[in-house]
Amino acid sequence: MNSFDTDKAAAYLRQLSPQDFATFGLDHVAYVRPVTVDDAPAFSVHAADGTPLTVLAEREVAFATVRQNDMEPLSVH
């Protein structure tokens, strides 16, 4: 039996304020997106709220860095 109640979860999410929703996942998710720095490809890491955290030369290193900080990396295209 599935202990996750989608109706309760949906009701909870509907009660979140815009501020609460903006910080949802802030400590758990980081976004990695390709960027160009000095005409070279790189990868920018951002917190869930969009705050830039770092720029790294390789995608794999960016993902590993996020994981080392106990967060889940997500790719942004």
N, C-alpha and C. Protein backbone atom coordinates (compact mmCIF):
# COMPACT_ATOMS: atom_id res chain seq x y z
N MET A 1 0.83 -1.18 0.00
CA MET A 1 0.00 0.00 0.00
C MET A 1 0.88 1.24 0.00
N ASN A 2 0.54 2.21 -0.79
CA ASN A 2 1.30 3.45 -0.92
C ASN A 2 0.92 4.39 0.21
N SER A 3 1.93 4.81 1.00
CA SER A 3 1.65 5.68 2.14
C SER A 3 1.60 7.16 1.73
N PHE A 4 1.91 7.46 0.49
CA PHE A 4 1.89 8.84 0.01
C PHE A 4 0.48 9.22 -0.41
N ASP A 5 -0.09 10.21 0.21
CA ASP A 5 -1.45 10.65 -0.08
C ASP A 5 -1.37 11.90 -0.97
N THR A 6 -1.65 11.73 -2.26
CA THR A 6 -1.53 12.85 -3.19
C THR A 6 -2.51 13.97 -2.89
N ASP A 7 -3.68 13.65 -2.38
CA ASP A 7 -4.65 14.70 -2.04
C ASP A 7 -4.13 15.58 -0.91
N LYS A 8 -3.54 14.95 0.10
CA LYS A 8 -2.98 15.72 1.22
C LYS A 8 -1.79 16.56 0.76
N ALA A 9 -0.96 15.97 -0.08
CA ALA A 9 0.21 16.70 -0.59
C ALA A 9 -0.24 17.91 -1.41
N ALA A 10 -1.22 17.72 -2.27
CA ALA A 10 -1.73 18.82 -3.09
C ALA A 10 -2.33 19.91 -2.22
N ALA A 11 -3.07 19.52 -1.20
CA ALA A 11 -3.67 20.51 -0.29
C ALA A 11 -2.58 21.29 0.43
N TYR A 12 -1.53 20.62 0.85
CA TYR A 12 -0.41 21.30 1.53
C TYR A 12 0.26 22.30 0.58
N LEU A 13 0.53 21.87 -0.64
CA LEU A 13 1.21 22.75 -1.60
C LEU A 13 0.36 23.98 -1.95
N ARG A 14 -0.95 23.83 -2.00
CA ARG A 14 -1.83 24.97 -2.29
C ARG A 14 -1.79 26.01 -1.17
N GLN A 15 -1.42 25.61 0.03
CA GLN A 15 -1.37 26.52 1.17
C GLN A 15 -0.05 27.27 1.29
N LEU A 16 0.95 26.90 0.47
CA LEU A 16 2.24 27.58 0.54
C LEU A 16 2.12 29.02 0.06
N SER A 17 2.76 29.92 0.79
CA SER A 17 2.81 31.32 0.36
C SER A 17 3.80 31.42 -0.80
N PRO A 18 3.76 32.52 -1.55
CA PRO A 18 4.76 32.70 -2.62
C PRO A 18 6.19 32.61 -2.09
N GLN A 19 6.44 33.13 -0.89
CA GLN A 19 7.78 33.04 -0.30
C GLN A 19 8.14 31.60 0.03
N ASP A 20 7.20 30.86 0.61
CA ASP A 20 7.45 29.45 0.92
C ASP A 20 7.75 28.67 -0.36
N PHE A 21 6.97 28.91 -1.38
CA PHE A 21 7.15 28.20 -2.64
C PHE A 21 8.50 28.54 -3.26
N ALA A 22 8.93 29.79 -3.15
CA ALA A 22 10.22 30.22 -3.72
C ALA A 22 11.40 29.51 -3.05
N THR A 23 11.25 29.17 -1.78
CA THR A 23 12.34 28.50 -1.07
C THR A 23 12.20 26.98 -1.08
N PHE A 24 11.15 26.47 -1.71
CA PHE A 24 10.91 25.03 -1.79
C PHE A 24 12.09 24.37 -2.49
N GLY A 25 12.76 23.46 -1.82
CA GLY A 25 13.89 22.75 -2.40
C GLY A 25 15.20 23.50 -2.34
N LEU A 26 15.22 24.66 -1.72
CA LEU A 26 16.41 25.50 -1.71
C LEU A 26 17.64 24.77 -1.20
N ASP A 27 17.50 23.96 -0.17
CA ASP A 27 18.63 23.24 0.40
C ASP A 27 18.84 21.86 -0.21
N HIS A 28 18.03 21.51 -1.21
CA HIS A 28 18.07 20.15 -1.73
C HIS A 28 18.39 20.06 -3.22
N VAL A 29 18.22 21.14 -3.94
CA VAL A 29 18.36 21.10 -5.39
C VAL A 29 19.30 22.22 -5.85
N ALA A 30 20.13 21.91 -6.84
CA ALA A 30 20.95 22.92 -7.50
C ALA A 30 20.84 22.68 -9.01
N TYR A 31 20.81 23.76 -9.75
CA TYR A 31 20.67 23.70 -11.20
C TYR A 31 22.01 23.93 -11.87
N VAL A 32 22.30 23.13 -12.88
CA VAL A 32 23.54 23.25 -13.64
C VAL A 32 23.16 23.60 -15.07
N ARG A 33 23.75 24.67 -15.57
CA ARG A 33 23.43 25.06 -16.95
C ARG A 33 24.69 25.46 -17.70
N PRO A 34 24.72 25.18 -18.99
CA PRO A 34 25.90 25.55 -19.78
C PRO A 34 25.97 27.07 -19.97
N VAL A 35 27.18 27.59 -19.89
CA VAL A 35 27.44 29.01 -20.10
C VAL A 35 28.75 29.14 -20.87
N THR A 36 29.05 30.33 -21.31
CA THR A 36 30.32 30.62 -21.96
C THR A 36 31.05 31.65 -21.12
N VAL A 37 32.30 31.35 -20.78
CA VAL A 37 33.14 32.26 -20.00
C VAL A 37 34.44 32.46 -20.76
N ASP A 38 34.74 33.70 -21.10
CA ASP A 38 35.94 34.02 -21.87
C ASP A 38 36.03 33.16 -23.13
N ASP A 39 34.94 33.06 -23.86
CA ASP A 39 34.84 32.31 -25.11
C ASP A 39 35.07 30.80 -24.95
N ALA A 40 34.97 30.30 -23.73
CA ALA A 40 35.14 28.86 -23.49
C ALA A 40 33.86 28.31 -22.84
N PRO A 41 33.49 27.08 -23.18
CA PRO A 41 32.31 26.49 -22.54
C PRO A 41 32.58 26.22 -21.05
N ALA A 42 31.55 26.41 -20.25
CA ALA A 42 31.63 26.17 -18.81
C ALA A 42 30.24 25.80 -18.31
N PHE A 43 30.13 25.53 -17.01
CA PHE A 43 28.85 25.15 -16.43
C PHE A 43 28.63 25.93 -15.15
N SER A 44 27.53 26.65 -15.11
CA SER A 44 27.16 27.48 -13.98
C SER A 44 26.25 26.69 -13.06
N VAL A 45 26.52 26.76 -11.76
CA VAL A 45 25.70 26.08 -10.75
C VAL A 45 24.91 27.15 -10.00
N HIS A 46 23.59 26.92 -9.90
CA HIS A 46 22.69 27.87 -9.25
C HIS A 46 21.87 27.18 -8.17
N ALA A 47 21.59 27.89 -7.08
CA ALA A 47 20.69 27.39 -6.04
C ALA A 47 19.28 27.33 -6.62
N ALA A 48 18.39 26.67 -5.92
CA ALA A 48 17.01 26.52 -6.39
C ALA A 48 16.33 27.86 -6.62
N ASP A 49 16.73 28.90 -5.91
CA ASP A 49 16.13 30.22 -6.09
C ASP A 49 16.79 31.04 -7.19
N GLY A 50 17.76 30.44 -7.89
CA GLY A 50 18.44 31.12 -8.99
C GLY A 50 19.73 31.80 -8.61
N THR A 51 20.09 31.82 -7.34
CA THR A 51 21.33 32.45 -6.90
C THR A 51 22.52 31.71 -7.50
N PRO A 52 23.41 32.42 -8.21
CA PRO A 52 24.60 31.76 -8.76
C PRO A 52 25.53 31.30 -7.63
N LEU A 53 26.03 30.08 -7.73
CA LEU A 53 26.92 29.54 -6.71
C LEU A 53 28.36 29.43 -7.17
N THR A 54 28.55 28.91 -8.38
CA THR A 54 29.91 28.75 -8.91
C THR A 54 29.84 28.47 -10.40
N VAL A 55 30.98 28.55 -11.05
CA VAL A 55 31.12 28.18 -12.46
C VAL A 55 32.30 27.23 -12.56
N LEU A 56 32.07 26.11 -13.24
CA LEU A 56 33.10 25.08 -13.38
C LEU A 56 33.29 24.73 -14.85
N ALA A 57 34.46 24.25 -15.19
CA ALA A 57 34.80 24.00 -16.59
C ALA A 57 34.12 22.76 -17.16
N GLU A 58 33.82 21.77 -16.33
CA GLU A 58 33.27 20.51 -16.82
C GLU A 58 31.93 20.19 -16.16
N ARG A 59 31.01 19.65 -16.97
CA ARG A 59 29.68 19.30 -16.47
C ARG A 59 29.76 18.25 -15.37
N GLU A 60 30.57 17.22 -15.56
CA GLU A 60 30.69 16.14 -14.59
C GLU A 60 31.19 16.68 -13.24
N VAL A 61 32.12 17.62 -13.29
CA VAL A 61 32.66 18.22 -12.06
C VAL A 61 31.58 19.05 -11.38
N ALA A 62 30.78 19.76 -12.16
CA ALA A 62 29.69 20.56 -11.60
C ALA A 62 28.69 19.65 -10.88
N PHE A 63 28.30 18.54 -11.52
CA PHE A 63 27.36 17.60 -10.91
C PHE A 63 27.96 16.97 -9.65
N ALA A 64 29.24 16.59 -9.70
CA ALA A 64 29.89 16.00 -8.53
C ALA A 64 29.97 17.00 -7.38
N THR A 65 30.24 18.25 -7.69
CA THR A 65 30.31 19.29 -6.67
C THR A 65 28.97 19.47 -5.98
N VAL A 66 27.90 19.47 -6.76
CA VAL A 66 26.56 19.60 -6.19
C VAL A 66 26.28 18.42 -5.26
N ARG A 67 26.60 17.21 -5.72
CA ARG A 67 26.34 16.02 -4.91
C ARG A 67 27.19 16.01 -3.63
N GLN A 68 28.43 16.50 -3.71
CA GLN A 68 29.28 16.57 -2.52
C GLN A 68 28.71 17.51 -1.47
N ASN A 69 27.85 18.40 -1.88
CA ASN A 69 27.21 19.33 -0.95
C ASN A 69 25.80 18.88 -0.58
N ASP A 70 25.56 17.57 -0.73
CA ASP A 70 24.30 16.93 -0.32
C ASP A 70 23.08 17.53 -0.99
N MET A 71 23.22 17.89 -2.27
CA MET A 71 22.09 18.38 -3.05
C MET A 71 21.96 17.53 -4.30
N GLU A 72 20.80 17.63 -4.93
CA GLU A 72 20.53 16.90 -6.17
C GLU A 72 20.75 17.85 -7.34
N PRO A 73 21.64 17.52 -8.28
CA PRO A 73 21.84 18.39 -9.44
C PRO A 73 20.74 18.17 -10.50
N LEU A 74 20.29 19.25 -11.08
CA LEU A 74 19.33 19.20 -12.19
C LEU A 74 19.90 19.99 -13.34
N SER A 75 19.75 19.47 -14.53
CA SER A 75 20.28 20.11 -15.72
C SER A 75 19.28 21.10 -16.28
N VAL A 76 19.77 22.27 -16.64
CA VAL A 76 18.95 23.29 -17.29
C VAL A 76 19.55 23.52 -18.67
N HIS A 77 18.72 23.46 -19.68
CA HIS A 77 19.22 23.60 -21.06
C HIS A 77 19.06 25.00 -21.56
